[in-house]
Amino acid sequence: MRAVRMSAILDRLEEWRDYQPGEWVARCPAHDDGKPSLWLNLKTNGMVGLACRAGCAFEDIVAGMDLTPRHLFNVDAEGMVAVAEARPEPVSPFLTAGLRVWLDSLPAGDDAAPAVGYAQKRFGLPVAEQDRLGLRWWPGPQPCPEWVPGPFVRYPRLVVPMADWAGVARGAQGRDLSGRCPVRWISLANPTGFEWQRFGVFPGPDPAAPWIVAEGLSDPLAIVADGYNAVGVRGAALLNKDPAPLDALAAGLEDKDVRVCGDNDRAGQAFARTILTALHQREVPARQLTLPGGFKDYAVWRETR
């Protein structure tokens, strides 16, 4: 069969956009998708990978694109960047050190007024808590490491480090502050052969308070502002690709009082089910935190209280 072009596959999807080199997000054609929930990647062997964070079946996604599974093999990259098919390793000490140097070079505190003001207003996060979590400001285009993707660079952002259980930053995301970027939160690009951490640990002011696992980074920041501890996950669909991040997540939560809080939509419910199931399988007695009806997510709920 003649190879299908990657551009032709993307053109069958609504609101598709670059996420990072070799990866895209789009509205899922298998459900009524209010915001892009479908992740796609193109591997160097010509195969396209698909995952919907709402939990839609692979066959339904492909059928919704009016394709068959065979169309996703031997895909013509047309010069686009592809990701290696081999499973990447966690970021190396060299990359971790490079991330720390880059984060420390970014404005913080009084020099980061736009980011500080946004985090205070949007999440209710006091300046002292922002400093403790290491929040930074990206002012806009300037020289940066190669693993900071182009869409991240072009717009001013609130930069949020994603730490491991030892407090070491092993990833970061940036939240657009301009209102012009089509993707509000953007992760760092994975260096060749490596992968930034898929979740971030955000300790609150009280170590004995409950731990709440949420999707993304907006909700965890609002959760910390409420005095709880939080973990922000980059998406259950990403975790499902590899058990190692789930093992690390469960190991850090095994002796804690844990809640899982998804958004008030189908995707959020699927996220909560996936995380709860994974934690229970690893003998972590987590419970679900259900938001009141009418509130999209924890950050919106907190903002209106």
C-alpha atoms as a PDB file:
ATOM      1  CA  MET A   1       0.000   0.000   0.000  1.00  0.00           C
ATOM      2  CA  ARG A   2       1.230   3.474  -0.836  1.00  0.00           C
ATOM      3  CA  ALA A   3       2.465   5.375   2.214  1.00  0.00           C
ATOM      4  CA  VAL A   4       0.048   7.907   3.741  1.00  0.00           C
ATOM      5  CA  ARG A   5       1.498  11.355   4.337  1.00  0.00           C
ATOM      6  CA  MET A   6       1.601  12.599   7.937  1.00  0.00           C
ATOM      7  CA  SER A   7       0.093  15.909   6.859  1.00  0.00           C
ATOM      8  CA  ALA A   8      -2.879  14.036   5.374  1.00  0.00           C
ATOM      9  CA  ILE A   9      -3.468  12.279   8.707  1.00  0.00           C
ATOM     10  CA  LEU A  10      -3.332  15.540  10.647  1.00  0.00           C
ATOM     11  CA  ASP A  11      -5.699  17.234   8.201  1.00  0.00           C
ATOM     12  CA  ARG A  12      -8.377  14.697   9.156  1.00  0.00           C
ATOM     13  CA  LEU A  13      -8.382  16.082  12.696  1.00  0.00           C
ATOM     14  CA  GLU A  14      -9.881  19.249  14.138  1.00  0.00           C
ATOM     15  CA  GLU A  15      -7.730  21.859  15.888  1.00  0.00           C
ATOM     16  CA  TRP A  16      -4.517  19.887  15.528  1.00  0.00           C
ATOM     17  CA  ARG A  17      -1.352  21.689  16.576  1.00  0.00           C
ATOM     18  CA  ASP A  18       2.299  20.991  17.297  1.00  0.00           C
ATOM     19  CA  TYR A  19       2.983  19.888  20.863  1.00  0.00           C
ATOM     20  CA  GLN A  20       6.687  19.175  20.664  1.00  0.00           C
ATOM     21  CA  PRO A  21       8.922  17.804  17.879  1.00  0.00           C
ATOM     22  CA  GLY A  22       7.346  14.630  16.507  1.00  0.00           C
ATOM     23  CA  GLU A  23       4.195  15.020  18.628  1.00  0.00           C
ATOM     24  CA  TRP A  24       0.834  16.711  18.107  1.00  0.00           C
ATOM     25  CA  VAL A  25      -2.443  17.250  19.933  1.00  0.00           C
ATOM     26  CA  ALA A  26      -5.915  17.467  18.370  1.00  0.00           C
ATOM     27  CA  ARG A  27      -9.582  17.067  19.119  1.00  0.00           C
ATOM     28  CA  CYS A  28     -10.407  13.374  19.417  1.00  0.00           C
ATOM     29  CA  PRO A  29     -12.800  12.250  16.637  1.00  0.00           C
ATOM     30  CA  ALA A  30     -14.157   9.409  18.777  1.00  0.00           C
ATOM     31  CA  HIS A  31     -15.993  11.579  21.344  1.00  0.00           C
ATOM     32  CA  ASP A  32     -17.435  15.059  21.797  1.00  0.00           C
ATOM     33  CA  ASP A  33     -14.120  16.650  22.623  1.00  0.00           C
ATOM     34  CA  GLY A  34     -14.340  20.136  24.107  1.00  0.00           C
ATOM     35  CA  LYS A  35     -10.574  20.628  23.989  1.00  0.00           C
ATOM     36  CA  PRO A  36      -7.729  18.705  22.333  1.00  0.00           C
ATOM     37  CA  SER A  37      -7.508  15.349  24.126  1.00  0.00           C
ATOM     38  CA  LEU A  38      -5.792  13.267  21.457  1.00  0.00           C
ATOM     39  CA  TRP A  39      -2.013  12.826  21.438  1.00  0.00           C
ATOM     40  CA  LEU A  40      -0.254  11.688  18.262  1.00  0.00           C
ATOM     41  CA  ASN A  41       3.384  10.929  17.605  1.00  0.00           C
ATOM     42  CA  LEU A  42       5.322   9.850  14.556  1.00  0.00           C
ATOM     43  CA  LYS A  43       8.075   7.309  15.173  1.00  0.00           C
ATOM     44  CA  THR A  44      11.237   6.926  13.126  1.00  0.00           C
ATOM     45  CA  ASN A  45       9.975   3.550  11.861  1.00  0.00           C
ATOM     46  CA  GLY A  46       7.055   5.334  10.157  1.00  0.00           C
ATOM     47  CA  MET A  47       4.386   4.289  12.648  1.00  0.00           C
ATOM     48  CA  VAL A  48       1.899   6.789  14.124  1.00  0.00           C
ATOM     49  CA  GLY A  49       0.940   6.355  17.782  1.00  0.00           C
ATOM     50  CA  LEU A  50      -2.414   7.553  19.139  1.00  0.00           C
ATOM     51  CA  ALA A  51      -3.724   7.994  22.682  1.00  0.00           C
ATOM     52  CA  CYS A  52      -6.856   9.792  23.899  1.00  0.00           C
ATOM     53  CA  ARG A  53      -6.757  10.998  27.501  1.00  0.00           C
ATOM     54  CA  ALA A  54     -10.511  10.356  27.731  1.00  0.00           C
ATOM     55  CA  GLY A  55      -9.801   6.669  27.195  1.00  0.00           C
ATOM     56  CA  CYS A  56     -11.288   6.234  23.695  1.00  0.00           C
ATOM     57  CA  ALA A  57     -10.443   2.936  22.004  1.00  0.00           C
ATOM     58  CA  PHE A  58      -7.763   2.963  19.304  1.00  0.00           C
ATOM     59  CA  GLU A  59     -10.175   1.440  16.770  1.00  0.00           C
ATOM     60  CA  ASP A  60     -12.793   4.138  17.414  1.00  0.00           C
ATOM     61  CA  ILE A  61     -10.240   6.928  16.987  1.00  0.00           C
ATOM     62  CA  VAL A  62      -9.006   5.519  13.678  1.00  0.00           C
ATOM     63  CA  ALA A  63     -12.566   4.974  12.433  1.00  0.00           C
ATOM     64  CA  GLY A  64     -13.439   8.556  13.405  1.00  0.00           C
ATOM     65  CA  MET A  65     -10.636   9.700  11.092  1.00  0.00           C
ATOM     66  CA  ASP A  66     -12.115   7.547   8.282  1.00  0.00           C
ATOM     67  CA  LEU A  67      -8.951   5.467   8.228  1.00  0.00           C
ATOM     68  CA  THR A  68      -8.006   1.880   9.063  1.00  0.00           C
ATOM     69  CA  PRO A  69      -5.119   0.796  11.335  1.00  0.00           C
ATOM     70  CA  ARG A  70      -2.979  -0.120   8.321  1.00  0.00           C
ATOM     71  CA  HIS A  71      -2.889   3.558   7.321  1.00  0.00           C
ATOM     72  CA  LEU A  72      -0.847   4.320  10.451  1.00  0.00           C
ATOM     73  CA  PHE A  73       2.094   2.155   9.410  1.00  0.00           C
ATOM     74  CA  ASN A  74       4.789   3.182   6.924  1.00  0.00           C
ATOM     75  CA  VAL A  75       3.709   6.826   7.140  1.00  0.00           C
ATOM     76  CA  ASP A  76       5.633   9.379   5.080  1.00  0.00           C
ATOM     77  CA  ALA A  77       7.143  11.896   7.517  1.00  0.00           C
ATOM     78  CA  GLU A  78       7.584  14.510   4.728  1.00  0.00           C
ATOM     79  CA  GLY A  79      10.672  15.836   6.506  1.00  0.00           C
ATOM     80  CA  MET A  80       8.929  16.217   9.874  1.00  0.00           C
ATOM     81  CA  VAL A  81      10.820  15.329  13.048  1.00  0.00           C
ATOM     82  CA  ALA A  82      10.033  11.810  14.286  1.00  0.00           C
ATOM     83  CA  VAL A  83      10.515  10.296  17.747  1.00  0.00           C
ATOM     84  CA  ALA A  84      12.560   7.166  18.368  1.00  0.00           C
ATOM     85  CA  GLU A  85      10.551   3.965  18.674  1.00  0.00           C
ATOM     86  CA  ALA A  86      12.750   2.715  21.502  1.00  0.00           C
ATOM     87  CA  ARG A  87      11.565   3.534  25.030  1.00  0.00           C
ATOM     88  CA  PRO A  88      13.401   6.672  26.226  1.00  0.00           C
ATOM     89  CA  GLU A  89      15.383   6.787  29.448  1.00  0.00           C
ATOM     90  CA  PRO A  90      14.657   9.184  32.331  1.00  0.00           C
ATOM     91  CA  VAL A  91      16.629  12.400  31.962  1.00  0.00           C
ATOM     92  CA  SER A  92      20.301  12.000  32.817  1.00  0.00           C
ATOM     93  CA  PRO A  93      22.122  13.848  35.635  1.00  0.00           C
ATOM     94  CA  PHE A  94      23.692  16.053  32.949  1.00  0.00           C
ATOM     95  CA  LEU A  95      20.258  17.104  31.658  1.00  0.00           C
ATOM     96  CA  THR A  96      18.917  17.536  35.184  1.00  0.00           C
ATOM     97  CA  ALA A  97      21.827  19.841  35.995  1.00  0.00           C
ATOM     98  CA  GLY A  98      21.231  21.758  32.771  1.00  0.00           C
ATOM     99  CA  LEU A  99      17.584  22.215  33.665  1.00  0.00           C
ATOM    100  CA  ARG A 100      18.544  23.522  37.104  1.00  0.00           C
ATOM    101  CA  VAL A 101      20.970  26.038  35.597  1.00  0.00           C
ATOM    102  CA  TRP A 102      18.321  27.223  33.116  1.00  0.00           C
ATOM    103  CA  LEU A 103      15.618  27.570  35.781  1.00  0.00           C
ATOM    104  CA  ASP A 104      17.976  29.510  38.072  1.00  0.00           C
ATOM    105  CA  SER A 105      18.724  31.908  35.211  1.00  0.00           C
ATOM    106  CA  LEU A 106      15.063  32.910  34.854  1.00  0.00           C
ATOM    107  CA  PRO A 107      13.560  35.880  36.725  1.00  0.00           C
ATOM    108  CA  ALA A 108      11.804  35.167  40.023  1.00  0.00           C
ATOM    109  CA  GLY A 109      10.277  37.180  42.866  1.00  0.00           C
ATOM    110  CA  ASP A 110      10.324  40.966  42.355  1.00  0.00           C
ATOM    111  CA  ASP A 111      11.915  40.498  38.908  1.00  0.00           C
ATOM    112  CA  ALA A 112       9.037  38.299  37.729  1.00  0.00           C
ATOM    113  CA  ALA A 113       6.066  40.567  38.452  1.00  0.00           C
ATOM    114  CA  PRO A 114       3.856  39.340  35.554  1.00  0.00           C
ATOM    115  CA  ALA A 115       4.242  35.684  36.548  1.00  0.00           C
ATOM    116  CA  VAL A 116       3.927  36.397  40.278  1.00  0.00           C
ATOM    117  CA  GLY A 117       0.779  38.447  39.761  1.00  0.00           C
ATOM    118  CA  TYR A 118      -0.774  35.780  37.547  1.00  0.00           C
ATOM    119  CA  ALA A 119      -0.090  32.965  40.038  1.00  0.00           C
ATOM    120  CA  GLN A 120      -1.535  35.060  42.861  1.00  0.00           C
ATOM    121  CA  LYS A 121      -4.702  35.942  40.957  1.00  0.00           C
ATOM    122  CA  ARG A 122      -5.307  32.656  39.129  1.00  0.00           C
ATOM    123  CA  PHE A 123      -4.332  30.156  41.806  1.00  0.00           C
ATOM    124  CA  GLY A 124      -4.372  32.196  45.022  1.00  0.00           C
ATOM    125  CA  LEU A 125      -0.750  31.226  45.584  1.00  0.00           C
ATOM    126  CA  PRO A 126       1.104  33.558  47.994  1.00  0.00           C
ATOM    127  CA  VAL A 127       4.497  34.893  46.955  1.00  0.00           C
ATOM    128  CA  ALA A 128       6.246  32.871  49.667  1.00  0.00           C
ATOM    129  CA  GLU A 129       4.725  29.651  48.306  1.00  0.00           C
ATOM    130  CA  GLN A 130       5.719  30.599  44.770  1.00  0.00           C
ATOM    131  CA  ASP A 131       9.300  31.050  45.938  1.00  0.00           C
ATOM    132  CA  ARG A 132       9.252  27.740  47.782  1.00  0.00           C
ATOM    133  CA  LEU A 133       8.018  25.902  44.666  1.00  0.00           C
ATOM    134  CA  GLY A 134      10.598  27.656  42.479  1.00  0.00           C
ATOM    135  CA  LEU A 135       8.188  29.368  40.071  1.00  0.00           C
ATOM    136  CA  ARG A 136       9.856  31.481  37.388  1.00  0.00           C
ATOM    137  CA  TRP A 137       9.048  33.876  34.546  1.00  0.00           C
ATOM    138  CA  TRP A 138       9.946  33.434  30.886  1.00  0.00           C
ATOM    139  CA  PRO A 139       9.833  36.970  29.403  1.00  0.00           C
ATOM    140  CA  GLY A 140       9.735  35.886  25.755  1.00  0.00           C
ATOM    141  CA  PRO A 141      12.111  35.116  22.859  1.00  0.00           C
ATOM    142  CA  GLN A 142      15.755  34.839  23.895  1.00  0.00           C
ATOM    143  CA  PRO A 143      18.558  32.229  23.710  1.00  0.00           C
ATOM    144  CA  CYS A 144      17.719  29.007  25.527  1.00  0.00           C
ATOM    145  CA  PRO A 145      18.641  25.301  25.620  1.00  0.00           C
ATOM    146  CA  GLU A 146      17.650  23.196  22.620  1.00  0.00           C
ATOM    147  CA  TRP A 147      15.103  21.273  24.687  1.00  0.00           C
ATOM    148  CA  VAL A 148      12.949  24.381  25.135  1.00  0.00           C
ATOM    149  CA  PRO A 149      10.529  24.081  22.164  1.00  0.00           C
ATOM    150  CA  GLY A 150       9.746  26.897  19.762  1.00  0.00           C
ATOM    151  CA  PRO A 151       6.101  27.448  20.843  1.00  0.00           C
ATOM    152  CA  PHE A 152       7.342  27.812  24.438  1.00  0.00           C
ATOM    153  CA  VAL A 153       9.980  30.364  23.484  1.00  0.00           C
ATOM    154  CA  ARG A 154       7.758  32.731  21.529  1.00  0.00           C
ATOM    155  CA  TYR A 155       5.452  33.870  24.354  1.00  0.00           C
ATOM    156  CA  PRO A 156       5.907  35.089  27.953  1.00  0.00           C
ATOM    157  CA  ARG A 157       5.148  32.305  30.429  1.00  0.00           C
ATOM    158  CA  LEU A 158       4.822  31.322  34.044  1.00  0.00           C
ATOM    159  CA  VAL A 159       7.414  28.526  34.368  1.00  0.00           C
ATOM    160  CA  VAL A 160       6.657  25.735  36.835  1.00  0.00           C
ATOM    161  CA  PRO A 161       9.368  23.172  37.708  1.00  0.00           C
ATOM    162  CA  MET A 162       8.224  19.553  38.005  1.00  0.00           C
ATOM    163  CA  ALA A 163      10.146  18.022  40.910  1.00  0.00           C
ATOM    164  CA  ASP A 164      10.566  14.390  41.924  1.00  0.00           C
ATOM    165  CA  TRP A 165       9.954  13.075  45.448  1.00  0.00           C
ATOM    166  CA  ALA A 166      13.432  14.238  46.490  1.00  0.00           C
ATOM    167  CA  GLY A 167      12.672  17.792  45.370  1.00  0.00           C
ATOM    168  CA  VAL A 168      14.905  17.670  42.272  1.00  0.00           C
ATOM    169  CA  ALA A 169      13.424  19.356  39.174  1.00  0.00           C
ATOM    170  CA  ARG A 170      13.228  16.772  36.385  1.00  0.00           C
ATOM    171  CA  GLY A 171      10.948  18.659  34.030  1.00  0.00           C
ATOM    172  CA  ALA A 172       8.987  21.879  33.685  1.00  0.00           C
ATOM    173  CA  GLN A 173       5.976  23.379  31.992  1.00  0.00           C
ATOM    174  CA  GLY A 174       5.220  26.937  30.946  1.00  0.00           C
ATOM    175  CA  ARG A 175       1.814  28.642  31.066  1.00  0.00           C
ATOM    176  CA  ASP A 176       1.186  31.274  28.380  1.00  0.00           C
ATOM    177  CA  LEU A 177       0.617  34.740  29.858  1.00  0.00           C
ATOM    178  CA  SER A 178      -0.035  36.547  26.578  1.00  0.00           C
ATOM    179  CA  GLY A 179      -3.318  34.920  25.559  1.00  0.00           C
ATOM    180  CA  ARG A 180      -1.916  34.513  22.037  1.00  0.00           C
ATOM    181  CA  CYS A 181      -0.382  31.043  22.159  1.00  0.00           C
ATOM    182  CA  PRO A 182      -2.796  28.319  20.933  1.00  0.00           C
ATOM    183  CA  VAL A 183      -1.464  25.933  23.631  1.00  0.00           C
ATOM    184  CA  ARG A 184      -1.732  27.333  27.165  1.00  0.00           C
ATOM    185  CA  TRP A 185       0.617  24.860  28.887  1.00  0.00           C
ATOM    186  CA  ILE A 186       3.689  23.554  27.063  1.00  0.00           C
ATOM    187  CA  SER A 187       6.212  20.987  28.293  1.00  0.00           C
ATOM    188  CA  LEU A 188       9.901  20.863  27.530  1.00  0.00           C
ATOM    189  CA  ALA A 189      10.867  18.868  24.448  1.00  0.00           C
ATOM    190  CA  ASN A 190      12.316  15.451  25.218  1.00  0.00           C
ATOM    191  CA  PRO A 191      16.036  15.258  24.350  1.00  0.00           C
ATOM    192  CA  THR A 192      16.957  12.416  22.012  1.00  0.00           C
ATOM    193  CA  GLY A 193      16.815   9.125  23.907  1.00  0.00           C
ATOM    194  CA  PHE A 194      15.572  10.740  27.138  1.00  0.00           C
ATOM    195  CA  GLU A 195      12.285  11.830  28.634  1.00  0.00           C
ATOM    196  CA  TRP A 196      11.419  14.508  31.187  1.00  0.00           C
ATOM    197  CA  GLN A 197       9.433  13.353  34.192  1.00  0.00           C
ATOM    198  CA  ARG A 198       5.722  12.832  33.567  1.00  0.00           C
ATOM    199  CA  PHE A 199       4.539  14.108  36.936  1.00  0.00           C
ATOM    200  CA  GLY A 200       5.540  16.850  39.364  1.00  0.00           C
ATOM    201  CA  VAL A 201       5.487  16.822  43.163  1.00  0.00           C
ATOM    202  CA  PHE A 202       4.234  20.009  44.874  1.00  0.00           C
ATOM    203  CA  PRO A 203       4.488  19.803  48.672  1.00  0.00           C
ATOM    204  CA  GLY A 204       2.184  22.178  50.534  1.00  0.00           C
ATOM    205  CA  PRO A 205       2.932  24.025  53.771  1.00  0.00           C
ATOM    206  CA  ASP A 206       1.764  21.065  55.922  1.00  0.00           C
ATOM    207  CA  PRO A 207       3.469  17.700  55.201  1.00  0.00           C
ATOM    208  CA  ALA A 208       0.744  15.899  57.180  1.00  0.00           C
ATOM    209  CA  ALA A 209      -2.091  17.279  55.031  1.00  0.00           C
ATOM    210  CA  PRO A 210      -3.743  15.051  52.388  1.00  0.00           C
ATOM    211  CA  TRP A 211      -2.109  14.593  48.992  1.00  0.00           C
ATOM    212  CA  ILE A 212      -4.281  15.319  45.947  1.00  0.00           C
ATOM    213  CA  VAL A 213      -3.348  13.942  42.520  1.00  0.00           C
ATOM    214  CA  ALA A 214      -4.623  16.085  39.629  1.00  0.00           C
ATOM    215  CA  GLU A 215      -4.042  16.409  35.907  1.00  0.00           C
ATOM    216  CA  GLY A 216      -1.833  19.206  34.612  1.00  0.00           C
ATOM    217  CA  LEU A 217      -0.290  21.921  36.767  1.00  0.00           C
ATOM    218  CA  SER A 218      -3.064  24.512  37.249  1.00  0.00           C
ATOM    219  CA  ASP A 219      -4.968  22.399  39.763  1.00  0.00           C
ATOM    220  CA  PRO A 220      -1.882  21.399  41.811  1.00  0.00           C
ATOM    221  CA  LEU A 221      -0.921  25.059  42.282  1.00  0.00           C
ATOM    222  CA  ALA A 222      -4.454  25.890  43.453  1.00  0.00           C
ATOM    223  CA  ILE A 223      -4.394  22.825  45.734  1.00  0.00           C
ATOM    224  CA  VAL A 224      -1.162  24.001  47.394  1.00  0.00           C
ATOM    225  CA  ALA A 225      -2.737  27.449  47.853  1.00  0.00           C
ATOM    226  CA  ASP A 226      -5.493  25.706  49.834  1.00  0.00           C
ATOM    227  CA  GLY A 227      -2.907  24.200  52.176  1.00  0.00           C
ATOM    228  CA  TYR A 228      -2.782  20.667  50.763  1.00  0.00           C
ATOM    229  CA  ASN A 229      -0.022  18.692  49.057  1.00  0.00           C
ATOM    230  CA  ALA A 230      -0.347  17.957  45.344  1.00  0.00           C
ATOM    231  CA  VAL A 231       0.949  15.882  42.468  1.00  0.00           C
ATOM    232  CA  GLY A 232       0.433  17.124  38.901  1.00  0.00           C
ATOM    233  CA  VAL A 233       0.332  14.457  36.182  1.00  0.00           C
ATOM    234  CA  ARG A 234       0.940  15.220  32.509  1.00  0.00           C
ATOM    235  CA  GLY A 235      -1.966  12.985  31.466  1.00  0.00           C
ATOM    236  CA  ALA A 236      -3.060   9.456  32.306  1.00  0.00           C
ATOM    237  CA  ALA A 237      -2.710   8.440  28.656  1.00  0.00           C
ATOM    238  CA  LEU A 238       1.000   9.259  28.831  1.00  0.00           C
ATOM    239  CA  LEU A 239       1.416   7.215  31.997  1.00  0.00           C
ATOM    240  CA  ASN A 240      -0.343   4.238  30.441  1.00  0.00           C
ATOM    241  CA  LYS A 241       2.475   3.869  27.911  1.00  0.00           C
ATOM    242  CA  ASP A 242       4.950   2.830  30.588  1.00  0.00           C
ATOM    243  CA  PRO A 243       4.424   1.397  34.111  1.00  0.00           C
ATOM    244  CA  ALA A 244       7.623   2.967  35.490  1.00  0.00           C
ATOM    245  CA  PRO A 245       6.134   6.450  36.136  1.00  0.00           C
ATOM    246  CA  LEU A 246       3.114   4.857  37.829  1.00  0.00           C
ATOM    247  CA  ASP A 247       5.451   2.777  39.997  1.00  0.00           C
ATOM    248  CA  ALA A 248       7.330   5.944  41.008  1.00  0.00           C
ATOM    249  CA  LEU A 249       4.078   7.799  41.669  1.00  0.00           C
ATOM    250  CA  ALA A 250       2.753   5.008  43.883  1.00  0.00           C
ATOM    251  CA  ALA A 251       6.040   4.629  45.750  1.00  0.00           C
ATOM    252  CA  GLY A 252       5.934   8.279  46.778  1.00  0.00           C
ATOM    253  CA  LEU A 253       2.295   8.087  47.883  1.00  0.00           C
ATOM    254  CA  GLU A 254       2.319   4.712  49.646  1.00  0.00           C
ATOM    255  CA  ASP A 255       2.257   6.087  53.216  1.00  0.00           C
ATOM    256  CA  LYS A 256       0.098   9.157  52.548  1.00  0.00           C
ATOM    257  CA  ASP A 257      -3.575  10.126  52.689  1.00  0.00           C
ATOM    258  CA  VAL A 258      -4.340  10.292  48.961  1.00  0.00           C
ATOM    259  CA  ARG A 259      -7.194  11.733  46.878  1.00  0.00           C
ATOM    260  CA  VAL A 260      -7.465  11.781  43.088  1.00  0.00           C
ATOM    261  CA  CYS A 261      -9.233  14.745  41.484  1.00  0.00           C
ATOM    262  CA  GLY A 262     -10.078  14.807  37.778  1.00  0.00           C
ATOM    263  CA  ASP A 263     -11.787  17.554  35.807  1.00  0.00           C
ATOM    264  CA  ASN A 264     -15.582  17.630  35.635  1.00  0.00           C
ATOM    265  CA  ASP A 265     -15.791  16.119  32.161  1.00  0.00           C
ATOM    266  CA  ARG A 266     -15.443  12.749  30.494  1.00  0.00           C
ATOM    267  CA  ALA A 267     -11.699  13.090  30.122  1.00  0.00           C
ATOM    268  CA  GLY A 268     -11.325  14.040  33.798  1.00  0.00           C
ATOM    269  CA  GLN A 269     -13.403  11.085  34.907  1.00  0.00           C
ATOM    270  CA  ALA A 270     -11.274   8.758  32.791  1.00  0.00           C
ATOM    271  CA  PHE A 271      -8.130  10.312  34.280  1.00  0.00           C
ATOM    272  CA  ALA A 272      -9.394   9.696  37.836  1.00  0.00           C
ATOM    273  CA  ARG A 273     -10.333   6.081  37.058  1.00  0.00           C
ATOM    274  CA  THR A 274      -6.954   5.371  35.490  1.00  0.00           C
ATOM    275  CA  ILE A 275      -4.946   6.833  38.368  1.00  0.00           C
ATOM    276  CA  LEU A 276      -7.140   5.263  41.063  1.00  0.00           C
ATOM    277  CA  THR A 277      -6.905   1.838  39.413  1.00  0.00           C
ATOM    278  CA  ALA A 278      -3.128   2.117  39.074  1.00  0.00           C
ATOM    279  CA  LEU A 279      -2.698   3.175  42.725  1.00  0.00           C
ATOM    280  CA  HIS A 280      -5.020   0.451  44.025  1.00  0.00           C
ATOM    281  CA  GLN A 281      -3.130  -2.165  41.993  1.00  0.00           C
ATOM    282  CA  ARG A 282      -0.002  -0.957  43.789  1.00  0.00           C
ATOM    283  CA  GLU A 283      -1.748  -1.134  47.196  1.00  0.00           C
ATOM    284  CA  VAL A 284      -2.101   2.632  47.702  1.00  0.00           C
ATOM    285  CA  PRO A 285      -5.581   3.184  49.268  1.00  0.00           C
ATOM    286  CA  ALA A 286      -6.465   6.348  47.328  1.00  0.00           C
ATOM    287  CA  ARG A 287      -9.954   7.840  47.189  1.00  0.00           C
ATOM    288  CA  GLN A 288     -11.635  10.054  44.611  1.00  0.00           C
ATOM    289  CA  LEU A 289     -12.252  13.751  45.260  1.00  0.00           C
ATOM    290  CA  THR A 290     -15.373  14.780  43.324  1.00  0.00           C
ATOM    291  CA  LEU A 291     -15.850  18.443  42.519  1.00  0.00           C
ATOM    292  CA  PRO A 292     -19.265  20.120  42.840  1.00  0.00           C
ATOM    293  CA  GLY A 293     -21.291  20.199  39.630  1.00  0.00           C
ATOM    294  CA  GLY A 294     -20.797  23.186  37.368  1.00  0.00           C
ATOM    295  CA  PHE A 295     -17.093  23.628  38.101  1.00  0.00           C
ATOM    296  CA  LYS A 296     -14.682  22.637  35.339  1.00  0.00           C
ATOM    297  CA  ASP A 297     -11.702  21.844  37.562  1.00  0.00           C
ATOM    298  CA  TYR A 298     -10.223  22.439  41.011  1.00  0.00           C
ATOM    299  CA  ALA A 299      -8.629  25.770  40.054  1.00  0.00           C
ATOM    300  CA  VAL A 300     -11.960  27.160  38.832  1.00  0.00           C
ATOM    301  CA  TRP A 301     -13.727  25.841  41.940  1.00  0.00           C
ATOM    302  CA  ARG A 302     -11.192  27.507  44.193  1.00  0.00           C
ATOM    303  CA  GLU A 303     -11.370  30.768  42.235  1.00  0.00           C
ATOM    304  CA  THR A 304     -15.135  31.051  42.800  1.00  0.00           C
ATOM    305  CA  ARG A 305     -15.193  30.172  46.495  1.00  0.00           C
END
